[in-house]
């Protein structure tokens, strides 16, 4: 196999199983950093290539790290516990101090002026 795999005319990079751990992490960081722009502005071919490359890199990471740490809050059960705790403490609507601020938080499109 060549240093670069090719599917059609799209070069997809070094086969993930040939990367050492540091190179694999660097590739993963790069592909995750470029994901949003590829989704928003890339051609269909670019998005397809990005999807395929990301899946191969992530698959290799998972193969090498089958017992990686999983944060309890990142599981379905942990998310349900958080939702139950939040709702039980203050009802279904978050308090103003805890409402995210920024693009999708207070003042986002759809909310009235001063609405929290």
PDB file of N, CA and C in Angstrom:
ATOM      1  N   UNK A   1       0.850  -1.189   0.000  1.00  0.00           N
ATOM      2  CA  UNK A   1       0.000   0.000   0.000  1.00  0.00           C
ATOM      3  C   UNK A   1       0.887   1.240   0.000  1.00  0.00           C
ATOM      4  N   UNK A   2       0.506   2.222  -0.754  1.00  0.00           N
ATOM      5  CA  UNK A   2       1.245   3.462  -0.865  1.00  0.00           C
ATOM      6  C   UNK A   2       1.128   4.271   0.421  1.00  0.00           C
ATOM      7  N   UNK A   3       1.986   5.287   0.595  1.00  0.00           N
ATOM      8  CA  UNK A   3       1.908   6.112   1.800  1.00  0.00           C
ATOM      9  C   UNK A   3       0.570   6.818   1.912  1.00  0.00           C
ATOM     10  N   UNK A   4      -0.030   7.144   0.782  1.00  0.00           N
ATOM     11  CA  UNK A   4      -1.335   7.797   0.771  1.00  0.00           C
ATOM     12  C   UNK A   4      -2.346   6.879   0.109  1.00  0.00           C
ATOM     13  N   UNK A   5      -3.468   6.723   0.741  1.00  0.00           N
ATOM     14  CA  UNK A   5      -4.556   5.954   0.139  1.00  0.00           C
ATOM     15  C   UNK A   5      -5.304   6.864  -0.807  1.00  0.00           C
ATOM     16  N   UNK A   6      -5.855   6.309  -1.852  1.00  0.00           N
ATOM     17  CA  UNK A   6      -6.665   7.111  -2.757  1.00  0.00           C
ATOM     18  C   UNK A   6      -7.992   6.420  -3.001  1.00  0.00           C
ATOM     19  N   UNK A   7      -9.080   7.161  -2.889  1.00  0.00           N
ATOM     20  CA  UNK A   7     -10.418   6.703  -3.243  1.00  0.00           C
ATOM     21  C   UNK A   7     -10.853   7.607  -4.375  1.00  0.00           C
ATOM     22  N   UNK A   8     -10.979   7.076  -5.549  1.00  0.00           N
ATOM     23  CA  UNK A   8     -11.283   7.928  -6.692  1.00  0.00           C
ATOM     24  C   UNK A   8     -10.096   8.846  -6.914  1.00  0.00           C
ATOM     25  N   UNK A   9     -10.330  10.138  -6.917  1.00  0.00           N
ATOM     26  CA  UNK A   9      -9.231  11.090  -7.083  1.00  0.00           C
ATOM     27  C   UNK A   9      -8.929  11.826  -5.787  1.00  0.00           C
ATOM     28  N   UNK A  10      -9.580  11.446  -4.699  1.00  0.00           N
ATOM     29  CA  UNK A  10      -9.394  12.137  -3.429  1.00  0.00           C
ATOM     30  C   UNK A  10      -8.301  11.468  -2.619  1.00  0.00           C
ATOM     31  N   UNK A  11      -7.239  12.199  -2.316  1.00  0.00           N
ATOM     32  CA  UNK A  11      -6.193  11.664  -1.475  1.00  0.00           C
ATOM     33  C   UNK A  11      -6.635  11.839  -0.020  1.00  0.00           C
ATOM     34  N   UNK A  12      -6.557  10.771   0.742  1.00  0.00           N
ATOM     35  CA  UNK A  12      -7.099  10.807   2.094  1.00  0.00           C
ATOM     36  C   UNK A  12      -6.049  10.820   3.183  1.00  0.00           C
ATOM     37  N   UNK A  13      -4.778  10.855   2.843  1.00  0.00           N
ATOM     38  CA  UNK A  13      -3.740  10.918   3.851  1.00  0.00           C
ATOM     39  C   UNK A  13      -3.181   9.556   4.199  1.00  0.00           C
ATOM     40  N   UNK A  14      -2.244   9.565   5.123  1.00  0.00           N
ATOM     41  CA  UNK A  14      -1.588   8.342   5.569  1.00  0.00           C
ATOM     42  C   UNK A  14      -2.604   7.455   6.269  1.00  0.00           C
ATOM     43  N   UNK A  15      -2.529   6.169   5.991  1.00  0.00           N
ATOM     44  CA  UNK A  15      -3.419   5.205   6.634  1.00  0.00           C
ATOM     45  C   UNK A  15      -3.270   5.351   8.153  1.00  0.00           C
ATOM     46  N   UNK A  16      -4.373   5.550   8.878  1.00  0.00           N
ATOM     47  CA  UNK A  16      -4.293   5.794  10.317  1.00  0.00           C
ATOM     48  C   UNK A  16      -3.530   4.727  11.103  1.00  0.00           C
ATOM     49  N   UNK A  17      -3.570   3.474  10.664  1.00  0.00           N
ATOM     50  CA  UNK A  17      -2.853   2.455  11.435  1.00  0.00           C
ATOM     51  C   UNK A  17      -1.337   2.538  11.264  1.00  0.00           C
ATOM     52  N   UNK A  18      -0.879   3.387  10.350  1.00  0.00           N
ATOM     53  CA  UNK A  18       0.564   3.608  10.171  1.00  0.00           C
ATOM     54  C   UNK A  18       1.063   4.819  10.966  1.00  0.00           C
ATOM     55  N   UNK A  19       0.170   5.571  11.576  1.00  0.00           N
ATOM     56  CA  UNK A  19       0.553   6.741  12.374  1.00  0.00           C
ATOM     57  C   UNK A  19       0.922   6.304  13.782  1.00  0.00           C
ATOM     58  N   UNK A  20       1.920   6.964  14.372  1.00  0.00           N
ATOM     59  CA  UNK A  20       2.174   6.690  15.788  1.00  0.00           C
ATOM     60  C   UNK A  20       1.134   7.458  16.603  1.00  0.00           C
ATOM     61  N   UNK A  21       1.081   7.231  17.903  1.00  0.00           N
ATOM     62  CA  UNK A  21       0.043   7.843  18.740  1.00  0.00           C
ATOM     63  C   UNK A  21       0.039   9.366  18.661  1.00  0.00           C
ATOM     64  N   UNK A  22       1.211   9.972  18.662  1.00  0.00           N
ATOM     65  CA  UNK A  22       1.295  11.437  18.601  1.00  0.00           C
ATOM     66  C   UNK A  22       0.790  11.958  17.257  1.00  0.00           C
ATOM     67  N   UNK A  23       1.158  11.300  16.176  1.00  0.00           N
ATOM     68  CA  UNK A  23       0.688  11.710  14.854  1.00  0.00           C
ATOM     69  C   UNK A  23      -0.823  11.538  14.727  1.00  0.00           C
ATOM     70  N   UNK A  24      -1.341  10.440  15.279  1.00  0.00           N
ATOM     71  CA  UNK A  24      -2.778  10.201  15.230  1.00  0.00           C
ATOM     72  C   UNK A  24      -3.530  11.306  15.960  1.00  0.00           C
ATOM     73  N   UNK A  25      -3.060  11.685  17.145  1.00  0.00           N
ATOM     74  CA  UNK A  25      -3.720  12.759  17.899  1.00  0.00           C
ATOM     75  C   UNK A  25      -3.657  14.078  17.142  1.00  0.00           C
ATOM     76  N   UNK A  26      -2.533  14.363  16.498  1.00  0.00           N
ATOM     77  CA  UNK A  26      -2.405  15.603  15.732  1.00  0.00           C
ATOM     78  C   UNK A  26      -3.392  15.602  14.555  1.00  0.00           C
ATOM     79  N   UNK A  27      -3.514  14.472  13.864  1.00  0.00           N
ATOM     80  CA  UNK A  27      -4.471  14.358  12.763  1.00  0.00           C
ATOM     81  C   UNK A  27      -5.906  14.543  13.256  1.00  0.00           C
ATOM     82  N   UNK A  28      -6.224  13.929  14.399  1.00  0.00           N
ATOM     83  CA  UNK A  28      -7.571  14.075  14.963  1.00  0.00           C
ATOM     84  C   UNK A  28      -7.861  15.522  15.346  1.00  0.00           C
ATOM     85  N   UNK A  29      -6.902  16.182  15.973  1.00  0.00           N
ATOM     86  CA  UNK A  29      -7.090  17.586  16.348  1.00  0.00           C
ATOM     87  C   UNK A  29      -7.319  18.446  15.109  1.00  0.00           C
ATOM     88  N   UNK A  30      -6.555  18.196  14.065  1.00  0.00           N
ATOM     89  CA  UNK A  30      -6.695  18.974  12.838  1.00  0.00           C
ATOM     90  C   UNK A  30      -8.050  18.745  12.184  1.00  0.00           C
ATOM     91  N   UNK A  31      -8.455  17.502  12.075  1.00  0.00           N
ATOM     92  CA  UNK A  31      -9.713  17.217  11.389  1.00  0.00           C
ATOM     93  C   UNK A  31     -10.909  17.741  12.167  1.00  0.00           C
ATOM     94  N   UNK A  32     -10.838  17.692  13.501  1.00  0.00           N
ATOM     95  CA  UNK A  32     -11.940  18.246  14.281  1.00  0.00           C
ATOM     96  C   UNK A  32     -11.961  19.778  14.199  1.00  0.00           C
ATOM     97  N   UNK A  33     -10.790  20.390  14.129  1.00  0.00           N
ATOM     98  CA  UNK A  33     -10.717  21.849  14.023  1.00  0.00           C
ATOM     99  C   UNK A  33     -11.296  22.331  12.686  1.00  0.00           C
ATOM    100  N   UNK A  34     -11.121  21.556  11.622  1.00  0.00           N
ATOM    101  CA  UNK A  34     -11.576  21.980  10.298  1.00  0.00           C
ATOM    102  C   UNK A  34     -12.986  21.503   9.969  1.00  0.00           C
ATOM    103  N   UNK A  35     -13.602  20.732  10.846  1.00  0.00           N
ATOM    104  CA  UNK A  35     -14.907  20.136  10.564  1.00  0.00           C
ATOM    105  C   UNK A  35     -15.986  21.165  10.250  1.00  0.00           C
ATOM    106  N   UNK A  36     -16.125  22.183  11.077  1.00  0.00           N
ATOM    107  CA  UNK A  36     -17.200  23.155  10.926  1.00  0.00           C
ATOM    108  C   UNK A  36     -17.124  23.866   9.572  1.00  0.00           C
ATOM    109  N   UNK A  37     -15.940  24.329   9.208  1.00  0.00           N
ATOM    110  CA  UNK A  37     -15.790  25.015   7.926  1.00  0.00           C
ATOM    111  C   UNK A  37     -16.060  24.081   6.755  1.00  0.00           C
ATOM    112  N   UNK A  38     -15.648  22.825   6.874  1.00  0.00           N
ATOM    113  CA  UNK A  38     -15.908  21.872   5.791  1.00  0.00           C
ATOM    114  C   UNK A  38     -17.402  21.646   5.638  1.00  0.00           C
ATOM    115  N   UNK A  39     -18.102  21.514   6.749  1.00  0.00           N
ATOM    116  CA  UNK A  39     -19.548  21.319   6.699  1.00  0.00           C
ATOM    117  C   UNK A  39     -20.244  22.527   6.073  1.00  0.00           C
ATOM    118  N   UNK A  40     -19.870  23.715   6.500  1.00  0.00           N
ATOM    119  CA  UNK A  40     -20.544  24.915   6.022  1.00  0.00           C
ATOM    120  C   UNK A  40     -20.154  25.319   4.603  1.00  0.00           C
ATOM    121  N   UNK A  41     -18.884  25.168   4.255  1.00  0.00           N
ATOM    122  CA  UNK A  41     -18.397  25.775   3.021  1.00  0.00           C
ATOM    123  C   UNK A  41     -17.764  24.805   2.025  1.00  0.00           C
ATOM    124  N   UNK A  42     -17.560  23.554   2.413  1.00  0.00           N
ATOM    125  CA  UNK A  42     -16.906  22.607   1.528  1.00  0.00           C
ATOM    126  C   UNK A  42     -17.863  22.045   0.490  1.00  0.00           C
ATOM    127  N   UNK A  43     -17.302  21.576  -0.606  1.00  0.00           N
ATOM    128  CA  UNK A  43     -18.110  20.920  -1.632  1.00  0.00           C
ATOM    129  C   UNK A  43     -18.604  19.581  -1.077  1.00  0.00           C
ATOM    130  N   UNK A  44     -19.536  18.972  -1.779  1.00  0.00           N
ATOM    131  CA  UNK A  44     -20.012  17.651  -1.365  1.00  0.00           C
ATOM    132  C   UNK A  44     -18.869  16.639  -1.351  1.00  0.00           C
ATOM    133  N   UNK A  45     -17.977  16.721  -2.320  1.00  0.00           N
ATOM    134  CA  UNK A  45     -16.829  15.818  -2.353  1.00  0.00           C
ATOM    135  C   UNK A  45     -15.901  16.062  -1.167  1.00  0.00           C
ATOM    136  N   UNK A  46     -15.677  17.330  -0.833  1.00  0.00           N
ATOM    137  CA  UNK A  46     -14.821  17.647   0.315  1.00  0.00           C
ATOM    138  C   UNK A  46     -15.443  17.133   1.609  1.00  0.00           C
ATOM    139  N   UNK A  47     -16.749  17.293   1.751  1.00  0.00           N
ATOM    140  CA  UNK A  47     -17.427  16.820   2.960  1.00  0.00           C
ATOM    141  C   UNK A  47     -17.390  15.293   3.035  1.00  0.00           C
ATOM    142  N   UNK A  48     -17.586  14.632   1.904  1.00  0.00           N
ATOM    143  CA  UNK A  48     -17.505  13.169   1.889  1.00  0.00           C
ATOM    144  C   UNK A  48     -16.113  12.693   2.283  1.00  0.00           C
ATOM    145  N   UNK A  49     -15.086  13.314   1.720  1.00  0.00           N
ATOM    146  CA  UNK A  49     -13.708  12.936   2.044  1.00  0.00           C
ATOM    147  C   UNK A  49     -13.417  13.207   3.521  1.00  0.00           C
ATOM    148  N   UNK A  50     -13.904  14.324   4.019  1.00  0.00           N
ATOM    149  CA  UNK A  50     -13.707  14.679   5.428  1.00  0.00           C
ATOM    150  C   UNK A  50     -14.384  13.644   6.333  1.00  0.00           C
ATOM    151  N   UNK A  51     -15.612  13.274   5.998  1.00  0.00           N
ATOM    152  CA  UNK A  51     -16.335  12.268   6.777  1.00  0.00           C
ATOM    153  C   UNK A  51     -15.577  10.945   6.814  1.00  0.00           C
ATOM    154  N   UNK A  52     -15.113  10.513   5.652  1.00  0.00           N
ATOM    155  CA  UNK A  52     -14.405   9.238   5.562  1.00  0.00           C
ATOM    156  C   UNK A  52     -13.098   9.272   6.351  1.00  0.00           C
ATOM    157  N   UNK A  53     -12.352  10.350   6.202  1.00  0.00           N
ATOM    158  CA  UNK A  53     -11.072  10.468   6.911  1.00  0.00           C
ATOM    159  C   UNK A  53     -11.307  10.527   8.421  1.00  0.00           C
ATOM    160  N   UNK A  54     -12.281  11.313   8.848  1.00  0.00           N
ATOM    161  CA  UNK A  54     -12.563  11.427  10.275  1.00  0.00           C
ATOM    162  C   UNK A  54     -12.975  10.072  10.846  1.00  0.00           C
ATOM    163  N   UNK A  55     -13.817   9.344  10.130  1.00  0.00           N
ATOM    164  CA  UNK A  55     -14.260   8.031  10.604  1.00  0.00           C
ATOM    165  C   UNK A  55     -13.079   7.072  10.732  1.00  0.00           C
ATOM    166  N   UNK A  56     -12.173   7.112   9.779  1.00  0.00           N
ATOM    167  CA  UNK A  56     -11.011   6.220   9.843  1.00  0.00           C
ATOM    168  C   UNK A  56     -10.087   6.599  10.993  1.00  0.00           C
ATOM    169  N   UNK A  57      -9.849   7.887  11.190  1.00  0.00           N
ATOM    170  CA  UNK A  57      -8.985   8.330  12.284  1.00  0.00           C
ATOM    171  C   UNK A  57      -9.611   8.006  13.641  1.00  0.00           C
ATOM    172  N   UNK A  58     -10.902   8.324  13.793  1.00  0.00           N
ATOM    173  CA  UNK A  58     -11.574   8.045  15.057  1.00  0.00           C
ATOM    174  C   UNK A  58     -11.655   6.541  15.325  1.00  0.00           C
ATOM    175  N   UNK A  59     -11.887   5.762  14.279  1.00  0.00           N
ATOM    176  CA  UNK A  59     -11.920   4.314  14.440  1.00  0.00           C
ATOM    177  C   UNK A  59     -10.586   3.771  14.921  1.00  0.00           C
ATOM    178  N   UNK A  60      -9.503   4.303  14.387  1.00  0.00           N
ATOM    179  CA  UNK A  60      -8.174   3.870  14.818  1.00  0.00           C
ATOM    180  C   UNK A  60      -7.916   4.275  16.263  1.00  0.00           C
ATOM    181  N   UNK A  61      -8.327   5.489  16.627  1.00  0.00           N
ATOM    182  CA  UNK A  61      -8.162   5.927  18.021  1.00  0.00           C
ATOM    183  C   UNK A  61      -8.922   4.990  18.969  1.00  0.00           C
ATOM    184  N   UNK A  62     -10.151   4.667  18.625  1.00  0.00           N
ATOM    185  CA  UNK A  62     -10.959   3.782  19.466  1.00  0.00           C
ATOM    186  C   UNK A  62     -10.380   2.368  19.514  1.00  0.00           C
ATOM    187  N   UNK A  63      -9.826   1.910  18.403  1.00  0.00           N
ATOM    188  CA  UNK A  63      -9.197   0.594  18.386  1.00  0.00           C
ATOM    189  C   UNK A  63      -8.010   0.547  19.343  1.00  0.00           C
ATOM    190  N   UNK A  64      -7.233   1.631  19.362  1.00  0.00           N
ATOM    191  CA  UNK A  64      -6.053   1.685  20.237  1.00  0.00           C
ATOM    192  C   UNK A  64      -6.406   1.959  21.693  1.00  0.00           C
ATOM    193  N   UNK A  65      -7.549   2.554  21.933  1.00  0.00           N
ATOM    194  CA  UNK A  65      -7.926   2.971  23.291  1.00  0.00           C
ATOM    195  C   UNK A  65      -9.294   2.433  23.683  1.00  0.00           C
ATOM    196  N   UNK A  66      -9.465   1.121  23.721  1.00  0.00           N
ATOM    197  CA  UNK A  66     -10.788   0.566  24.004  1.00  0.00           C
ATOM    198  C   UNK A  66     -11.273   0.855  25.424  1.00  0.00           C
ATOM    199  N   UNK A  67     -10.366   1.169  26.321  1.00  0.00           N
ATOM    200  CA  UNK A  67     -10.750   1.429  27.716  1.00  0.00           C
ATOM    201  C   UNK A  67     -10.520   2.892  28.088  1.00  0.00           C
ATOM    202  N   UNK A  68     -10.707   3.772  27.115  1.00  0.00           N
ATOM    203  CA  UNK A  68     -10.484   5.191  27.389  1.00  0.00           C
ATOM    204  C   UNK A  68     -11.452   5.672  28.459  1.00  0.00           C
ATOM    205  N   UNK A  69     -11.075   6.746  29.131  1.00  0.00           N
ATOM    206  CA  UNK A  69     -11.930   7.319  30.171  1.00  0.00           C
ATOM    207  C   UNK A  69     -13.182   7.885  29.528  1.00  0.00           C
ATOM    208  N   UNK A  70     -14.329   7.576  30.103  1.00  0.00           N
ATOM    209  CA  UNK A  70     -15.599   8.143  29.662  1.00  0.00           C
ATOM    210  C   UNK A  70     -16.173   8.916  30.840  1.00  0.00           C
ATOM    211  N   UNK A  71     -16.320  10.216  30.684  1.00  0.00           N
ATOM    212  CA  UNK A  71     -16.858  11.056  31.753  1.00  0.00           C
ATOM    213  C   UNK A  71     -18.312  10.677  32.010  1.00  0.00           C
ATOM    214  N   UNK A  72     -18.701  10.478  33.253  1.00  0.00           N
ATOM    215  CA  UNK A  72     -20.078  10.085  33.561  1.00  0.00           C
ATOM    216  C   UNK A  72     -21.126  11.025  32.964  1.00  0.00           C
ATOM    217  N   UNK A  73     -20.834  12.311  32.920  1.00  0.00           N
ATOM    218  CA  UNK A  73     -21.780  13.272  32.367  1.00  0.00           C
ATOM    219  C   UNK A  73     -21.942  13.178  30.863  1.00  0.00           C
ATOM    220  N   UNK A  74     -21.076  12.408  30.200  1.00  0.00           N
ATOM    221  CA  UNK A  74     -21.138  12.265  28.748  1.00  0.00           C
ATOM    222  C   UNK A  74     -21.867  10.990  28.324  1.00  0.00           C
ATOM    223  N   UNK A  75     -22.554  10.359  29.271  1.00  0.00           N
ATOM    224  CA  UNK A  75     -23.352   9.174  28.952  1.00  0.00           C
ATOM    225  C   UNK A  75     -24.826   9.556  28.991  1.00  0.00           C
ATOM    226  N   UNK A  76     -25.686   8.712  28.455  1.00  0.00           N
ATOM    227  CA  UNK A  76     -27.122   8.990  28.499  1.00  0.00           C
ATOM    228  C   UNK A  76     -27.602   9.079  29.941  1.00  0.00           C
ATOM    229  N   UNK A  77     -27.134   8.144  30.755  1.00  0.00           N
ATOM    230  CA  UNK A  77     -27.556   8.145  32.159  1.00  0.00           C
ATOM    231  C   UNK A  77     -27.116   9.427  32.859  1.00  0.00           C
ATOM    232  N   UNK A  78     -25.882   9.845  32.630  1.00  0.00           N
ATOM    233  CA  UNK A  78     -25.384  11.071  33.237  1.00  0.00           C
ATOM    234  C   UNK A  78     -26.156  12.297  32.768  1.00  0.00           C
ATOM    235  N   UNK A  79     -26.515  12.339  31.496  1.00  0.00           N
ATOM    236  CA  UNK A  79     -27.290  13.466  30.959  1.00  0.00           C
ATOM    237  C   UNK A  79     -28.682  13.491  31.577  1.00  0.00           C
ATOM    238  N   UNK A  80     -29.284  12.319  31.753  1.00  0.00           N
ATOM    239  CA  UNK A  80     -30.612  12.262  32.380  1.00  0.00           C
ATOM    240  C   UNK A  80     -30.542  12.747  33.824  1.00  0.00           C
ATOM    241  N   UNK A  81     -29.500  12.332  34.538  1.00  0.00           N
ATOM    242  CA  UNK A  81     -29.341  12.774  35.929  1.00  0.00           C
ATOM    243  C   UNK A  81     -29.196  14.286  36.008  1.00  0.00           C
ATOM    244  N   UNK A  82     -28.425  14.869  35.093  1.00  0.00           N
ATOM    245  CA  UNK A  82     -28.266  16.324  35.070  1.00  0.00           C
ATOM    246  C   UNK A  82     -29.589  17.009  34.813  1.00  0.00           C
ATOM    247  N   UNK A  83     -30.344  16.509  33.836  1.00  0.00           N
ATOM    248  CA  UNK A  83     -31.636  17.115  33.492  1.00  0.00           C
ATOM    249  C   UNK A  83     -32.608  17.013  34.659  1.00  0.00           C
ATOM    250  N   UNK A  84     -32.629  15.885  35.318  1.00  0.00           N
ATOM    251  CA  UNK A  84     -33.519  15.696  36.464  1.00  0.00           C
ATOM    252  C   UNK A  84     -33.130  16.629  37.600  1.00  0.00           C
ATOM    253  N   UNK A  85     -31.841  16.745  37.867  1.00  0.00           N
ATOM    254  CA  UNK A  85     -31.373  17.614  38.943  1.00  0.00           C
ATOM    255  C   UNK A  85     -31.696  19.072  38.643  1.00  0.00           C
ATOM    256  N   UNK A  86     -31.492  19.506  37.428  1.00  0.00           N
ATOM    257  CA  UNK A  86     -31.769  20.887  37.044  1.00  0.00           C
ATOM    258  C   UNK A  86     -33.260  21.172  37.157  1.00  0.00           C
ATOM    259  N   UNK A  87     -34.077  20.287  36.633  1.00  0.00           N
ATOM    260  CA  UNK A  87     -35.518  20.489  36.673  1.00  0.00           C
ATOM    261  C   UNK A  87     -36.043  20.454  38.103  1.00  0.00           C
ATOM    262  N   UNK A  88     -35.513  19.574  38.900  1.00  0.00           N
ATOM    263  CA  UNK A  88     -35.965  19.455  40.283  1.00  0.00           C
ATOM    264  C   UNK A  88     -35.621  20.666  41.126  1.00  0.00           C
ATOM    265  N   UNK A  89     -34.524  21.319  40.813  1.00  0.00           N
ATOM    266  CA  UNK A  89     -34.080  22.469  41.596  1.00  0.00           C
ATOM    267  C   UNK A  89     -34.803  23.751  41.217  1.00  0.00           C
ATOM    268  N   UNK A  90     -35.032  23.970  39.932  1.00  0.00           N
ATOM    269  CA  UNK A  90     -35.584  25.264  39.528  1.00  0.00           C
ATOM    270  C   UNK A  90     -36.640  25.173  38.446  1.00  0.00           C
ATOM    271  N   UNK A  91     -37.169  24.050  38.167  1.00  0.00           N
ATOM    272  CA  UNK A  91     -38.179  23.924  37.119  1.00  0.00           C
ATOM    273  C   UNK A  91     -37.534  23.735  35.768  1.00  0.00           C
ATOM    274  N   UNK A  92     -38.306  23.775  34.718  1.00  0.00           N
ATOM    275  CA  UNK A  92     -37.822  23.453  33.381  1.00  0.00           C
ATOM    276  C   UNK A  92     -36.961  24.545  32.760  1.00  0.00           C
ATOM    277  N   UNK A  93     -37.089  25.796  33.208  1.00  0.00           N
ATOM    278  CA  UNK A  93     -36.367  26.891  32.588  1.00  0.00           C
ATOM    279  C   UNK A  93     -35.133  27.254  33.395  1.00  0.00           C
ATOM    280  N   UNK A  94     -33.946  27.345  32.755  1.00  0.00           N
ATOM    281  CA  UNK A  94     -32.727  27.683  33.492  1.00  0.00           C
ATOM    282  C   UNK A  94     -32.761  29.099  34.044  1.00  0.00           C
ATOM    283  N   UNK A  95     -32.100  29.304  35.161  1.00  0.00           N
ATOM    284  CA  UNK A  95     -31.988  30.636  35.764  1.00  0.00           C
ATOM    285  C   UNK A  95     -31.149  31.524  34.864  1.00  0.00           C
ATOM    286  N   UNK A  96     -31.374  32.817  34.904  1.00  0.00           N
ATOM    287  CA  UNK A  96     -30.679  33.760  34.024  1.00  0.00           C
ATOM    288  C   UNK A  96     -29.166  33.655  34.156  1.00  0.00           C
ATOM    289  N   UNK A  97     -28.664  33.498  35.371  1.00  0.00           N
ATOM    290  CA  UNK A  97     -27.225  33.443  35.580  1.00  0.00           C
ATOM    291  C   UNK A  97     -26.613  32.205  34.920  1.00  0.00           C
ATOM    292  N   UNK A  98     -27.404  31.179  34.686  1.00  0.00           N
ATOM    293  CA  UNK A  98     -26.875  29.954  34.106  1.00  0.00           C
ATOM    294  C   UNK A  98     -27.244  29.787  32.633  1.00  0.00           C
ATOM    295  N   UNK A  99     -27.977  30.727  32.080  1.00  0.00           N
ATOM    296  CA  UNK A  99     -28.326  30.664  30.665  1.00  0.00           C
ATOM    297  C   UNK A  99     -27.082  30.986  29.865  1.00  0.00           C
ATOM    298  N   UNK A 100     -26.763  30.168  28.845  1.00  0.00           N
ATOM    299  CA  UNK A 100     -25.576  30.450  28.039  1.00  0.00           C
ATOM    300  C   UNK A 100     -25.684  31.814  27.376  1.00  0.00           C
ATOM    301  N   UNK A 101     -24.564  32.509  27.310  1.00  0.00           N
ATOM    302  CA  UNK A 101     -24.515  33.806  26.660  1.00  0.00           C
ATOM    303  C   UNK A 101     -23.665  33.633  25.414  1.00  0.00           C
ATOM    304  N   UNK A 102     -24.054  34.237  24.346  1.00  0.00           N
ATOM    305  CA  UNK A 102     -23.296  34.132  23.112  1.00  0.00           C
ATOM    306  C   UNK A 102     -24.231  33.915  21.952  1.00  0.00           C
ATOM    307  N   UNK A 103     -23.716  33.283  20.927  1.00  0.00           N
ATOM    308  CA  UNK A 103     -24.455  33.129  19.687  1.00  0.00           C
ATOM    309  C   UNK A 103     -25.840  32.548  19.893  1.00  0.00           C
ATOM    310  N   UNK A 104     -26.000  31.555  20.761  1.00  0.00           N
ATOM    311  CA  UNK A 104     -27.287  30.892  20.928  1.00  0.00           C
ATOM    312  C   UNK A 104     -27.892  31.150  22.296  1.00  0.00           C
ATOM    313  N   UNK A 105     -27.295  32.005  23.093  1.00  0.00           N
ATOM    314  CA  UNK A 105     -27.810  32.289  24.431  1.00  0.00           C
ATOM    315  C   UNK A 105     -28.647  33.546  24.459  1.00  0.00           C
ATOM    316  N   UNK A 106     -28.629  34.228  25.581  1.00  0.00           N
ATOM    317  CA  UNK A 106     -29.418  35.450  25.735  1.00  0.00           C
ATOM    318  C   UNK A 106     -29.168  36.411  24.588  1.00  0.00           C
ATOM    319  N   UNK A 107     -30.237  36.998  24.110  1.00  0.00           N
ATOM    320  CA  UNK A 107     -30.136  37.969  23.040  1.00  0.00           C
ATOM    321  C   UNK A 107     -30.066  37.341  21.658  1.00  0.00           C
ATOM    322  N   UNK A 108     -30.144  36.010  21.589  1.00  0.00           N
ATOM    323  CA  UNK A 108     -30.101  35.330  20.287  1.00  0.00           C
ATOM    324  C   UNK A 108     -31.382  35.632  19.521  1.00  0.00           C
ATOM    325  N   UNK A 109     -31.334  35.434  18.230  1.00  0.00           N
ATOM    326  CA  UNK A 109     -32.510  35.676  17.382  1.00  0.00           C
ATOM    327  C   UNK A 109     -33.706  34.914  17.906  1.00  0.00           C
ATOM    328  N   UNK A 110     -34.857  35.539  17.883  1.00  0.00           N
ATOM    329  CA  UNK A 110     -36.072  34.886  18.346  1.00  0.00           C
ATOM    330  C   UNK A 110     -36.470  35.333  19.730  1.00  0.00           C
ATOM    331  N   UNK A 111     -35.545  35.849  20.518  1.00  0.00           N
ATOM    332  CA  UNK A 111     -35.875  36.312  21.868  1.00  0.00           C
ATOM    333  C   UNK A 111     -36.082  37.805  21.853  1.00  0.00           C
ATOM    334  N   UNK A 112     -36.994  38.273  22.655  1.00  0.00           N
ATOM    335  CA  UNK A 112     -37.244  39.705  22.719  1.00  0.00           C
ATOM    336  C   UNK A 112     -36.173  40.410  23.502  1.00  0.00           C
ATOM    337  N   UNK A 113     -36.095  41.713  23.396  1.00  0.00           N
ATOM    338  CA  UNK A 113     -35.099  42.490  24.126  1.00  0.00           C
ATOM    339  C   UNK A 113     -35.314  42.307  25.614  1.00  0.00           C
ATOM    340  N   UNK A 114     -34.255  41.994  26.298  1.00  0.00           N
ATOM    341  CA  UNK A 114     -34.319  41.823  27.749  1.00  0.00           C
ATOM    342  C   UNK A 114     -34.884  40.471  28.169  1.00  0.00           C
ATOM    343  N   UNK A 115     -35.285  39.638  27.220  1.00  0.00           N
ATOM    344  CA  UNK A 115     -35.820  38.331  27.569  1.00  0.00           C
ATOM    345  C   UNK A 115     -34.700  37.394  27.958  1.00  0.00           C
ATOM    346  N   UNK A 116     -34.916  36.589  28.964  1.00  0.00           N
ATOM    347  CA  UNK A 116     -33.901  35.647  29.431  1.00  0.00           C
ATOM    348  C   UNK A 116     -34.431  34.257  29.289  1.00  0.00           C
TER     349      UNK A 116
END
